[in-house]
C-alpha atoms as a PDB file:
ATOM      1  CA  UNK A   1      60.420 -34.272 -73.598  1.00  0.00           C
ATOM      2  CA  UNK A   2      62.231 -32.033 -71.134  1.00  0.00           C
ATOM      3  CA  UNK A   3      58.920 -30.671 -69.881  1.00  0.00           C
ATOM      4  CA  UNK A   4      57.809 -34.240 -69.156  1.00  0.00           C
ATOM      5  CA  UNK A   5      60.772 -34.935 -66.895  1.00  0.00           C
ATOM      6  CA  UNK A   6      60.686 -31.466 -65.348  1.00  0.00           C
ATOM      7  CA  UNK A   7      57.040 -31.971 -64.379  1.00  0.00           C
ATOM      8  CA  UNK A   8      57.612 -35.523 -63.205  1.00  0.00           C
ATOM      9  CA  UNK A   9      60.666 -34.649 -61.122  1.00  0.00           C
ATOM     10  CA  UNK A  10      58.803 -31.781 -59.477  1.00  0.00           C
ATOM     11  CA  UNK A  11      55.871 -34.023 -58.624  1.00  0.00           C
ATOM     12  CA  UNK A  12      58.151 -36.805 -57.361  1.00  0.00           C
ATOM     13  CA  UNK A  13      59.977 -34.400 -55.056  1.00  0.00           C
ATOM     14  CA  UNK A  14      56.631 -33.114 -53.801  1.00  0.00           C
ATOM     15  CA  UNK A  15      55.492 -36.652 -53.037  1.00  0.00           C
ATOM     16  CA  UNK A  16      58.696 -37.371 -51.119  1.00  0.00           C
ATOM     17  CA  UNK A  17      58.427 -34.389 -48.802  1.00  0.00           C
ATOM     18  CA  UNK A  18      54.645 -34.903 -48.486  1.00  0.00           C
ATOM     19  CA  UNK A  19      53.885 -31.212 -48.384  1.00  0.00           C
ATOM     20  CA  UNK A  20      51.943 -28.816 -50.516  1.00  0.00           C
ATOM     21  CA  UNK A  21      49.173 -29.451 -53.023  1.00  0.00           C
ATOM     22  CA  UNK A  22      51.345 -31.783 -55.104  1.00  0.00           C
ATOM     23  CA  UNK A  23      52.485 -34.008 -52.264  1.00  0.00           C
ATOM     24  CA  UNK A  24      51.191 -37.073 -54.045  1.00  0.00           C
ATOM     25  CA  UNK A  25      50.243 -37.387 -57.683  1.00  0.00           C
ATOM     26  CA  UNK A  26      49.294 -39.879 -60.311  1.00  0.00           C
ATOM     27  CA  UNK A  27      45.800 -38.987 -61.392  1.00  0.00           C
ATOM     28  CA  UNK A  28      45.314 -35.222 -61.482  1.00  0.00           C
ATOM     29  CA  UNK A  29      43.269 -33.800 -58.663  1.00  0.00           C
ATOM     30  CA  UNK A  30      39.647 -34.848 -58.743  1.00  0.00           C
ATOM     31  CA  UNK A  31      37.188 -32.084 -57.998  1.00  0.00           C
ATOM     32  CA  UNK A  32      34.839 -33.249 -55.264  1.00  0.00           C
ATOM     33  CA  UNK A  33      31.399 -32.877 -56.697  1.00  0.00           C
ATOM     34  CA  UNK A  34      31.191 -29.094 -56.837  1.00  0.00           C
ATOM     35  CA  UNK A  35      27.622 -28.656 -55.696  1.00  0.00           C
ATOM     36  CA  UNK A  36      27.051 -32.425 -55.669  1.00  0.00           C
ATOM     37  CA  UNK A  37      27.824 -32.489 -51.984  1.00  0.00           C
ATOM     38  CA  UNK A  38      26.136 -29.438 -50.596  1.00  0.00           C
ATOM     39  CA  UNK A  39      24.467 -27.685 -53.472  1.00  0.00           C
ATOM     40  CA  UNK A  40      27.293 -25.151 -53.541  1.00  0.00           C
ATOM     41  CA  UNK A  41      30.688 -24.651 -55.075  1.00  0.00           C
ATOM     42  CA  UNK A  42      32.979 -25.523 -52.194  1.00  0.00           C
ATOM     43  CA  UNK A  43      35.025 -28.634 -53.041  1.00  0.00           C
ATOM     44  CA  UNK A  44      36.188 -30.800 -50.183  1.00  0.00           C
ATOM     45  CA  UNK A  45      39.848 -30.819 -49.248  1.00  0.00           C
ATOM     46  CA  UNK A  46      41.725 -33.868 -50.543  1.00  0.00           C
ATOM     47  CA  UNK A  47      45.154 -35.211 -51.389  1.00  0.00           C
ATOM     48  CA  UNK A  48      46.253 -36.366 -54.806  1.00  0.00           C
ATOM     49  CA  UNK A  49      46.839 -40.036 -55.533  1.00  0.00           C
ATOM     50  CA  UNK A  50      49.951 -41.845 -56.687  1.00  0.00           C
ATOM     51  CA  UNK A  51      50.443 -45.060 -58.630  1.00  0.00           C
ATOM     52  CA  UNK A  52      52.269 -48.411 -58.568  1.00  0.00           C
ATOM     53  CA  UNK A  53      51.481 -52.063 -59.191  1.00  0.00           C
ATOM     54  CA  UNK A  54      51.888 -54.743 -56.501  1.00  0.00           C
ATOM     55  CA  UNK A  55      49.331 -57.502 -56.147  1.00  0.00           C
ATOM     56  CA  UNK A  56      48.018 -56.865 -52.634  1.00  0.00           C
ATOM     57  CA  UNK A  57      47.952 -54.349 -49.807  1.00  0.00           C
ATOM     58  CA  UNK A  58      49.655 -56.623 -47.299  1.00  0.00           C
ATOM     59  CA  UNK A  59      52.551 -54.177 -47.124  1.00  0.00           C
ATOM     60  CA  UNK A  60      50.261 -51.231 -46.379  1.00  0.00           C
ATOM     61  CA  UNK A  61      50.211 -51.587 -42.609  1.00  0.00           C
ATOM     62  CA  UNK A  62      47.022 -50.471 -40.939  1.00  0.00           C
ATOM     63  CA  UNK A  63      47.399 -48.386 -37.829  1.00  0.00           C
ATOM     64  CA  UNK A  64      46.259 -50.169 -34.637  1.00  0.00           C
ATOM     65  CA  UNK A  65      42.519 -49.909 -34.331  1.00  0.00           C
ATOM     66  CA  UNK A  66      40.339 -52.373 -32.516  1.00  0.00           C
ATOM     67  CA  UNK A  67      37.368 -51.135 -34.525  1.00  0.00           C
ATOM     68  CA  UNK A  68      38.914 -52.693 -37.621  1.00  0.00           C
ATOM     69  CA  UNK A  69      37.977 -56.159 -36.311  1.00  0.00           C
ATOM     70  CA  UNK A  70      34.396 -55.465 -35.313  1.00  0.00           C
ATOM     71  CA  UNK A  71      31.537 -57.154 -37.119  1.00  0.00           C
ATOM     72  CA  UNK A  72      29.735 -55.229 -39.846  1.00  0.00           C
ATOM     73  CA  UNK A  73      26.344 -55.475 -41.435  1.00  0.00           C
ATOM     74  CA  UNK A  74      26.670 -56.554 -45.047  1.00  0.00           C
ATOM     75  CA  UNK A  75      25.253 -54.467 -47.879  1.00  0.00           C
ATOM     76  CA  UNK A  76      22.506 -56.254 -49.837  1.00  0.00           C
ATOM     77  CA  UNK A  77      23.758 -58.282 -52.793  1.00  0.00           C
ATOM     78  CA  UNK A  78      21.382 -58.525 -55.760  1.00  0.00           C
ATOM     79  CA  UNK A  79      21.564 -60.986 -58.653  1.00  0.00           C
ATOM     80  CA  UNK A  80      24.728 -60.643 -60.727  1.00  0.00           C
ATOM     81  CA  UNK A  81      28.149 -62.194 -60.508  1.00  0.00           C
ATOM     82  CA  UNK A  82      28.443 -64.634 -57.576  1.00  0.00           C
ATOM     83  CA  UNK A  83      29.376 -62.944 -54.295  1.00  0.00           C
ATOM     84  CA  UNK A  84      32.543 -64.117 -52.604  1.00  0.00           C
ATOM     85  CA  UNK A  85      32.962 -64.523 -48.859  1.00  0.00           C
ATOM     86  CA  UNK A  86      34.958 -61.302 -48.699  1.00  0.00           C
ATOM     87  CA  UNK A  87      34.179 -58.438 -51.107  1.00  0.00           C
ATOM     88  CA  UNK A  88      37.074 -56.578 -52.681  1.00  0.00           C
ATOM     89  CA  UNK A  89      35.774 -53.328 -51.177  1.00  0.00           C
ATOM     90  CA  UNK A  90      33.157 -52.814 -48.479  1.00  0.00           C
ATOM     91  CA  UNK A  91      31.901 -49.634 -46.858  1.00  0.00           C
ATOM     92  CA  UNK A  92      29.782 -49.669 -43.701  1.00  0.00           C
ATOM     93  CA  UNK A  93      27.838 -46.809 -42.179  1.00  0.00           C
ATOM     94  CA  UNK A  94      29.533 -44.043 -44.192  1.00  0.00           C
ATOM     95  CA  UNK A  95      28.377 -40.543 -43.347  1.00  0.00           C
ATOM     96  CA  UNK A  96      29.650 -37.252 -44.724  1.00  0.00           C
ATOM     97  CA  UNK A  97      28.503 -33.663 -44.320  1.00  0.00           C
ATOM     98  CA  UNK A  98      29.679 -30.331 -45.660  1.00  0.00           C
ATOM     99  CA  UNK A  99      29.249 -26.898 -44.169  1.00  0.00           C
ATOM    100  CA  UNK A 100      27.872 -23.807 -45.879  1.00  0.00           C
ATOM    101  CA  UNK A 101      28.542 -21.052 -43.420  1.00  0.00           C
ATOM    102  CA  UNK A 102      26.961 -22.227 -40.180  1.00  0.00           C
ATOM    103  CA  UNK A 103      24.674 -24.683 -41.910  1.00  0.00           C
ATOM    104  CA  UNK A 104      25.582 -28.388 -41.973  1.00  0.00           C
ATOM    105  CA  UNK A 105      24.446 -30.195 -45.117  1.00  0.00           C
ATOM    106  CA  UNK A 106      24.419 -34.004 -44.847  1.00  0.00           C
ATOM    107  CA  UNK A 107      25.531 -35.704 -48.074  1.00  0.00           C
ATOM    108  CA  UNK A 108      26.055 -39.351 -47.181  1.00  0.00           C
ATOM    109  CA  UNK A 109      23.939 -40.952 -44.464  1.00  0.00           C
ATOM    110  CA  UNK A 110      24.985 -44.339 -43.088  1.00  0.00           C
ATOM    111  CA  UNK A 111      25.839 -45.728 -46.522  1.00  0.00           C
ATOM    112  CA  UNK A 112      26.553 -49.444 -46.881  1.00  0.00           C
ATOM    113  CA  UNK A 113      28.197 -50.516 -50.138  1.00  0.00           C
ATOM    114  CA  UNK A 114      30.103 -53.551 -51.410  1.00  0.00           C
ATOM    115  CA  UNK A 115      31.768 -54.538 -54.667  1.00  0.00           C
ATOM    116  CA  UNK A 116      33.011 -58.046 -55.387  1.00  0.00           C
ATOM    117  CA  UNK A 117      36.249 -58.916 -57.155  1.00  0.00           C
ATOM    118  CA  UNK A 118      35.776 -58.729 -60.959  1.00  0.00           C
ATOM    119  CA  UNK A 119      32.376 -57.006 -60.596  1.00  0.00           C
ATOM    120  CA  UNK A 120      31.223 -53.928 -62.539  1.00  0.00           C
ATOM    121  CA  UNK A 121      28.931 -51.775 -60.372  1.00  0.00           C
ATOM    122  CA  UNK A 122      27.303 -48.504 -61.349  1.00  0.00           C
ATOM    123  CA  UNK A 123      26.132 -45.899 -58.848  1.00  0.00           C
ATOM    124  CA  UNK A 124      23.357 -43.685 -60.184  1.00  0.00           C
ATOM    125  CA  UNK A 125      21.718 -40.627 -58.720  1.00  0.00           C
ATOM    126  CA  UNK A 126      20.551 -37.137 -59.514  1.00  0.00           C
ATOM    127  CA  UNK A 127      22.840 -34.141 -59.283  1.00  0.00           C
ATOM    128  CA  UNK A 128      23.383 -33.371 -55.624  1.00  0.00           C
ATOM    129  CA  UNK A 129      22.731 -36.924 -54.455  1.00  0.00           C
ATOM    130  CA  UNK A 130      26.327 -37.315 -53.273  1.00  0.00           C
ATOM    131  CA  UNK A 131      27.357 -40.030 -55.724  1.00  0.00           C
ATOM    132  CA  UNK A 132      30.707 -38.468 -56.629  1.00  0.00           C
ATOM    133  CA  UNK A 133      31.362 -37.732 -52.970  1.00  0.00           C
ATOM    134  CA  UNK A 134      30.812 -41.428 -52.264  1.00  0.00           C
ATOM    135  CA  UNK A 135      33.268 -42.406 -55.004  1.00  0.00           C
ATOM    136  CA  UNK A 136      35.917 -40.025 -53.671  1.00  0.00           C
ATOM    137  CA  UNK A 137      35.442 -41.322 -50.120  1.00  0.00           C
ATOM    138  CA  UNK A 138      35.768 -44.920 -51.340  1.00  0.00           C
ATOM    139  CA  UNK A 139      38.977 -43.940 -53.141  1.00  0.00           C
ATOM    140  CA  UNK A 140      40.354 -42.239 -50.005  1.00  0.00           C
ATOM    141  CA  UNK A 141      40.461 -38.898 -51.813  1.00  0.00           C
ATOM    142  CA  UNK A 142      38.179 -37.601 -49.075  1.00  0.00           C
ATOM    143  CA  UNK A 143      37.529 -38.840 -45.539  1.00  0.00           C
ATOM    144  CA  UNK A 144      34.176 -39.913 -44.101  1.00  0.00           C
ATOM    145  CA  UNK A 145      32.879 -38.279 -40.950  1.00  0.00           C
ATOM    146  CA  UNK A 146      31.771 -41.708 -39.715  1.00  0.00           C
ATOM    147  CA  UNK A 147      31.840 -45.297 -40.888  1.00  0.00           C
ATOM    148  CA  UNK A 148      34.484 -47.687 -42.175  1.00  0.00           C
ATOM    149  CA  UNK A 149      35.958 -48.710 -45.521  1.00  0.00           C
ATOM    150  CA  UNK A 150      37.668 -52.044 -46.125  1.00  0.00           C
ATOM    151  CA  UNK A 151      39.702 -53.047 -49.161  1.00  0.00           C
ATOM    152  CA  UNK A 152      40.838 -56.626 -49.684  1.00  0.00           C
ATOM    153  CA  UNK A 153      39.890 -57.406 -46.087  1.00  0.00           C
ATOM    154  CA  UNK A 154      41.822 -54.520 -44.539  1.00  0.00           C
ATOM    155  CA  UNK A 155      40.400 -51.322 -43.125  1.00  0.00           C
ATOM    156  CA  UNK A 156      41.734 -48.364 -45.092  1.00  0.00           C
ATOM    157  CA  UNK A 157      39.988 -45.262 -43.729  1.00  0.00           C
ATOM    158  CA  UNK A 158      42.165 -45.427 -40.578  1.00  0.00           C
ATOM    159  CA  UNK A 159      45.442 -45.518 -42.477  1.00  0.00           C
ATOM    160  CA  UNK A 160      47.799 -42.594 -42.132  1.00  0.00           C
ATOM    161  CA  UNK A 161      47.979 -40.112 -44.988  1.00  0.00           C
ATOM    162  CA  UNK A 162      51.194 -41.637 -46.331  1.00  0.00           C
ATOM    163  CA  UNK A 163      49.712 -45.138 -46.230  1.00  0.00           C
ATOM    164  CA  UNK A 164      46.582 -43.981 -48.025  1.00  0.00           C
ATOM    165  CA  UNK A 165      48.838 -42.427 -50.637  1.00  0.00           C
ATOM    166  CA  UNK A 166      50.636 -45.739 -50.972  1.00  0.00           C
ATOM    167  CA  UNK A 167      47.347 -47.608 -51.296  1.00  0.00           C
ATOM    168  CA  UNK A 168      46.212 -45.345 -54.117  1.00  0.00           C
ATOM    169  CA  UNK A 169      49.646 -45.684 -55.650  1.00  0.00           C
ATOM    170  CA  UNK A 170      49.371 -49.449 -55.711  1.00  0.00           C
ATOM    171  CA  UNK A 171      45.747 -50.424 -56.101  1.00  0.00           C
ATOM    172  CA  UNK A 172      43.379 -47.818 -57.553  1.00  0.00           C
ATOM    173  CA  UNK A 173      42.944 -46.421 -61.045  1.00  0.00           C
ATOM    174  CA  UNK A 174      40.799 -43.303 -61.428  1.00  0.00           C
ATOM    175  CA  UNK A 175      38.963 -41.761 -64.373  1.00  0.00           C
ATOM    176  CA  UNK A 176      37.204 -38.399 -64.182  1.00  0.00           C
ATOM    177  CA  UNK A 177      34.650 -36.579 -66.300  1.00  0.00           C
ATOM    178  CA  UNK A 178      37.036 -33.813 -67.364  1.00  0.00           C
ATOM    179  CA  UNK A 179      40.036 -36.032 -68.209  1.00  0.00           C
ATOM    180  CA  UNK A 180      42.700 -34.053 -66.272  1.00  0.00           C
ATOM    181  CA  UNK A 181      45.435 -34.638 -68.844  1.00  0.00           C
ATOM    182  CA  UNK A 182      48.524 -32.459 -68.501  1.00  0.00           C
ATOM    183  CA  UNK A 183      48.478 -30.051 -71.474  1.00  0.00           C
ATOM    184  CA  UNK A 184      52.246 -29.607 -71.780  1.00  0.00           C
ATOM    185  CA  UNK A 185      53.061 -33.214 -72.667  1.00  0.00           C
ATOM    186  CA  UNK A 186      52.047 -35.810 -75.247  1.00  0.00           C
ATOM    187  CA  UNK A 187      49.457 -38.543 -74.953  1.00  0.00           C
ATOM    188  CA  UNK A 188      52.145 -41.176 -74.418  1.00  0.00           C
ATOM    189  CA  UNK A 189      53.855 -39.071 -71.761  1.00  0.00           C
ATOM    190  CA  UNK A 190      50.539 -38.485 -69.970  1.00  0.00           C
ATOM    191  CA  UNK A 191      50.009 -42.233 -69.741  1.00  0.00           C
ATOM    192  CA  UNK A 192      53.576 -42.734 -68.496  1.00  0.00           C
ATOM    193  CA  UNK A 193      53.459 -39.911 -65.949  1.00  0.00           C
ATOM    194  CA  UNK A 194      52.145 -41.982 -63.000  1.00  0.00           C
ATOM    195  CA  UNK A 195      55.052 -44.415 -63.333  1.00  0.00           C
ATOM    196  CA  UNK A 196      57.559 -41.608 -63.704  1.00  0.00           C
ATOM    197  CA  UNK A 197      56.268 -40.014 -60.506  1.00  0.00           C
ATOM    198  CA  UNK A 198      56.155 -43.260 -58.555  1.00  0.00           C
ATOM    199  CA  UNK A 199      59.563 -44.503 -59.675  1.00  0.00           C
ATOM    200  CA  UNK A 200      61.628 -41.340 -59.782  1.00  0.00           C
ATOM    201  CA  UNK A 201      63.897 -40.398 -62.682  1.00  0.00           C
ATOM    202  CA  UNK A 202      66.717 -42.924 -62.139  1.00  0.00           C
ATOM    203  CA  UNK A 203      64.502 -45.974 -61.674  1.00  0.00           C
ATOM    204  CA  UNK A 204      62.254 -44.846 -64.499  1.00  0.00           C
ATOM    205  CA  UNK A 205      65.163 -44.567 -66.922  1.00  0.00           C
ATOM    206  CA  UNK A 206      66.312 -48.069 -66.060  1.00  0.00           C
ATOM    207  CA  UNK A 207      62.881 -49.454 -66.952  1.00  0.00           C
ATOM    208  CA  UNK A 208      61.913 -46.905 -69.589  1.00  0.00           C
ATOM    209  CA  UNK A 209      61.659 -49.416 -72.434  1.00  0.00           C
ATOM    210  CA  UNK A 210      59.411 -51.719 -70.380  1.00  0.00           C
ATOM    211  CA  UNK A 211      57.173 -48.864 -69.224  1.00  0.00           C
ATOM    212  CA  UNK A 212      56.936 -47.324 -72.693  1.00  0.00           C
ATOM    213  CA  UNK A 213      55.916 -50.625 -74.234  1.00  0.00           C
ATOM    214  CA  UNK A 214      53.237 -51.038 -71.552  1.00  0.00           C
ATOM    215  CA  UNK A 215      51.903 -47.559 -72.271  1.00  0.00           C
ATOM    216  CA  UNK A 216      51.867 -48.193 -76.030  1.00  0.00           C
ATOM    217  CA  UNK A 217      49.927 -51.419 -75.509  1.00  0.00           C
ATOM    218  CA  UNK A 218      47.346 -49.660 -73.353  1.00  0.00           C
ATOM    219  CA  UNK A 219      46.909 -46.877 -75.872  1.00  0.00           C
ATOM    220  CA  UNK A 220      46.441 -49.480 -78.586  1.00  0.00           C
ATOM    221  CA  UNK A 221      43.866 -51.214 -76.383  1.00  0.00           C
ATOM    222  CA  UNK A 222      41.792 -48.021 -76.157  1.00  0.00           C
ATOM    223  CA  UNK A 223      42.215 -47.193 -79.855  1.00  0.00           C
ATOM    224  CA  UNK A 224      44.783 -44.421 -79.446  1.00  0.00           C
ATOM    225  CA  UNK A 225      47.914 -45.925 -81.012  1.00  0.00           C
ATOM    226  CA  UNK A 226      47.792 -43.272 -83.768  1.00  0.00           C
ATOM    227  CA  UNK A 227      47.824 -40.396 -81.266  1.00  0.00           C
ATOM    228  CA  UNK A 228      50.936 -41.155 -79.193  1.00  0.00           C
ATOM    229  CA  UNK A 229      52.718 -37.885 -79.943  1.00  0.00           C
ATOM    230  CA  UNK A 230      49.704 -35.596 -79.901  1.00  0.00           C
ATOM    231  CA  UNK A 231      49.094 -33.203 -77.033  1.00  0.00           C
ATOM    232  CA  UNK A 232      45.679 -32.947 -75.353  1.00  0.00           C
ATOM    233  CA  UNK A 233      44.703 -29.792 -77.260  1.00  0.00           C
ATOM    234  CA  UNK A 234      44.997 -31.830 -80.462  1.00  0.00           C
ATOM    235  CA  UNK A 235      42.602 -34.534 -79.256  1.00  0.00           C
ATOM    236  CA  UNK A 236      38.818 -34.769 -79.269  1.00  0.00           C
ATOM    237  CA  UNK A 237      36.888 -35.252 -76.041  1.00  0.00           C
ATOM    238  CA  UNK A 238      36.493 -38.961 -76.698  1.00  0.00           C
ATOM    239  CA  UNK A 239      40.189 -39.323 -77.431  1.00  0.00           C
ATOM    240  CA  UNK A 240      41.141 -37.494 -74.243  1.00  0.00           C
ATOM    241  CA  UNK A 241      38.926 -39.785 -72.179  1.00  0.00           C
ATOM    242  CA  UNK A 242      40.418 -42.884 -73.815  1.00  0.00           C
ATOM    243  CA  UNK A 243      43.893 -41.545 -73.025  1.00  0.00           C
ATOM    244  CA  UNK A 244      42.785 -40.949 -69.424  1.00  0.00           C
ATOM    245  CA  UNK A 245      41.574 -44.548 -69.195  1.00  0.00           C
ATOM    246  CA  UNK A 246      44.944 -45.788 -70.460  1.00  0.00           C
ATOM    247  CA  UNK A 247      46.682 -43.649 -67.828  1.00  0.00           C
ATOM    248  CA  UNK A 248      44.456 -45.085 -65.096  1.00  0.00           C
ATOM    249  CA  UNK A 249      45.540 -48.613 -66.088  1.00  0.00           C
ATOM    250  CA  UNK A 250      49.293 -48.064 -66.385  1.00  0.00           C
ATOM    251  CA  UNK A 251      49.996 -49.225 -62.808  1.00  0.00           C
ATOM    252  CA  UNK A 252      47.840 -52.349 -63.263  1.00  0.00           C
ATOM    253  CA  UNK A 253      45.301 -51.481 -60.531  1.00  0.00           C
ATOM    254  CA  UNK A 254      42.859 -53.948 -59.012  1.00  0.00           C
ATOM    255  CA  UNK A 255      40.022 -51.423 -58.795  1.00  0.00           C
ATOM    256  CA  UNK A 256      38.973 -48.747 -61.289  1.00  0.00           C
ATOM    257  CA  UNK A 257      36.897 -45.842 -59.935  1.00  0.00           C
ATOM    258  CA  UNK A 258      35.204 -43.935 -62.758  1.00  0.00           C
ATOM    259  CA  UNK A 259      33.400 -40.665 -62.027  1.00  0.00           C
ATOM    260  CA  UNK A 260      30.981 -39.797 -64.871  1.00  0.00           C
ATOM    261  CA  UNK A 261      33.385 -41.145 -67.547  1.00  0.00           C
ATOM    262  CA  UNK A 262      30.856 -40.428 -70.322  1.00  0.00           C
ATOM    263  CA  UNK A 263      29.375 -37.260 -68.829  1.00  0.00           C
ATOM    264  CA  UNK A 264      31.336 -34.867 -71.037  1.00  0.00           C
ATOM    265  CA  UNK A 265      31.052 -36.896 -74.250  1.00  0.00           C
ATOM    266  CA  UNK A 266      28.567 -37.145 -77.103  1.00  0.00           C
ATOM    267  CA  UNK A 267      26.563 -40.337 -77.494  1.00  0.00           C
ATOM    268  CA  UNK A 268      28.923 -42.109 -79.906  1.00  0.00           C
ATOM    269  CA  UNK A 269      32.041 -41.388 -77.861  1.00  0.00           C
ATOM    270  CA  UNK A 270      30.194 -42.316 -74.682  1.00  0.00           C
ATOM    271  CA  UNK A 271      29.282 -45.681 -76.161  1.00  0.00           C
ATOM    272  CA  UNK A 272      32.892 -46.265 -77.209  1.00  0.00           C
ATOM    273  CA  UNK A 273      34.145 -45.506 -73.698  1.00  0.00           C
ATOM    274  CA  UNK A 274      31.569 -47.877 -72.215  1.00  0.00           C
ATOM    275  CA  UNK A 275      32.659 -50.610 -74.610  1.00  0.00           C
ATOM    276  CA  UNK A 276      36.228 -50.184 -73.375  1.00  0.00           C
ATOM    277  CA  UNK A 277      35.125 -50.430 -69.742  1.00  0.00           C
ATOM    278  CA  UNK A 278      32.981 -53.509 -70.398  1.00  0.00           C
ATOM    279  CA  UNK A 279      35.900 -55.162 -72.211  1.00  0.00           C
ATOM    280  CA  UNK A 280      38.289 -54.419 -69.354  1.00  0.00           C
ATOM    281  CA  UNK A 281      35.855 -55.951 -66.895  1.00  0.00           C
ATOM    282  CA  UNK A 282      34.926 -59.002 -68.981  1.00  0.00           C
ATOM    283  CA  UNK A 283      38.301 -59.881 -70.470  1.00  0.00           C
ATOM    284  CA  UNK A 284      40.791 -58.601 -67.901  1.00  0.00           C
ATOM    285  CA  UNK A 285      38.625 -59.101 -64.786  1.00  0.00           C
ATOM    286  CA  UNK A 286      39.091 -55.493 -63.726  1.00  0.00           C
ATOM    287  CA  UNK A 287      36.771 -54.506 -60.878  1.00  0.00           C
ATOM    288  CA  UNK A 288      34.975 -51.262 -61.725  1.00  0.00           C
ATOM    289  CA  UNK A 289      32.845 -48.856 -59.701  1.00  0.00           C
ATOM    290  CA  UNK A 290      31.322 -46.196 -61.945  1.00  0.00           C
ATOM    291  CA  UNK A 291      29.265 -43.125 -61.051  1.00  0.00           C
ATOM    292  CA  UNK A 292      26.777 -41.820 -63.613  1.00  0.00           C
ATOM    293  CA  UNK A 293      23.544 -39.833 -63.852  1.00  0.00           C
ATOM    294  CA  UNK A 294      22.542 -41.661 -67.068  1.00  0.00           C
ATOM    295  CA  UNK A 295      20.267 -44.681 -66.586  1.00  0.00           C
ATOM    296  CA  UNK A 296      21.169 -45.951 -70.054  1.00  0.00           C
ATOM    297  CA  UNK A 297      24.836 -46.033 -69.062  1.00  0.00           C
ATOM    298  CA  UNK A 298      24.185 -47.449 -65.587  1.00  0.00           C
ATOM    299  CA  UNK A 299      22.346 -50.557 -66.833  1.00  0.00           C
ATOM    300  CA  UNK A 300      25.424 -51.671 -68.770  1.00  0.00           C
ATOM    301  CA  UNK A 301      27.099 -52.642 -65.494  1.00  0.00           C
ATOM    302  CA  UNK A 302      26.583 -55.993 -63.728  1.00  0.00           C
ATOM    303  CA  UNK A 303      24.698 -54.265 -60.948  1.00  0.00           C
ATOM    304  CA  UNK A 304      23.207 -50.827 -60.353  1.00  0.00           C
ATOM    305  CA  UNK A 305      22.963 -49.073 -56.997  1.00  0.00           C
ATOM    306  CA  UNK A 306      20.900 -45.927 -56.595  1.00  0.00           C
ATOM    307  CA  UNK A 307      21.877 -43.082 -54.296  1.00  0.00           C
ATOM    308  CA  UNK A 308      18.904 -41.086 -53.049  1.00  0.00           C
ATOM    309  CA  UNK A 309      19.088 -38.406 -50.378  1.00  0.00           C
ATOM    310  CA  UNK A 310      22.472 -39.658 -49.309  1.00  0.00           C
ATOM    311  CA  UNK A 311      21.428 -43.268 -48.867  1.00  0.00           C
ATOM    312  CA  UNK A 312      22.161 -46.267 -51.077  1.00  0.00           C
ATOM    313  CA  UNK A 313      19.226 -48.173 -52.485  1.00  0.00           C
ATOM    314  CA  UNK A 314      19.118 -51.062 -54.935  1.00  0.00           C
ATOM    315  CA  UNK A 315      17.955 -49.772 -58.299  1.00  0.00           C
END
């Protein structure tokens, strides 16, 4: 247990001074598409997210920017759940390139994308199409070279680093292909870690019973109530991904961003993970954007968008 609080305290201090690779933390660092972006191994630079659980981003003040009020062209909306007047998240004209030596490699080219509240959208594309890069840009883990991103009606790509950290802290849950569980601590502690980091030791201790009960309920929801005290090395791949999903939900996010959540699993475990995601969307109205290369997985979402040569197309 001491290692849990040692790790959490270190991460919390790092978040407070906003320096170094651990300046903000809730979901372990997400590798940006090694090779997905530019066909090479250079990951993009990014900050780590933090967690929390308010209901809106009204308190995340956007920096003054007249461009935030300009009109945008709407991304096409196919049949599916009814579209609302204002999507939960909208991206307009996103472009992103990486450099290999002196050679610029375009990854995203004027991408338009929208997801409605309570919708489950899959983004599919071949390796190197830039789909994970798009997910990381939408989650503010990486910055676009051009274009705009709006969440809940507010522009978020122009926020300062600390405000983007706060947004991730409050609104986004993230699930990655390789789980990113901390090996030193138990399953229950891994799920609790985002709250421990966000709250700090004193506040966490005051609400420890409440937080622990929430974590237990989430682990029961994903079928992991029998593995609370096991460390990641004692879990199967499917169990680690279910634990990672529980961790992504602990702060009660409005949007779940899932990057190849079944990509490292066998067929049975992949199907179980997809059942969990469909249940979260259908029964808890969780908005989900999921990246996958598997057409059989993609069609289980409400809507599928295809990324081809850095541009979004309806599948």
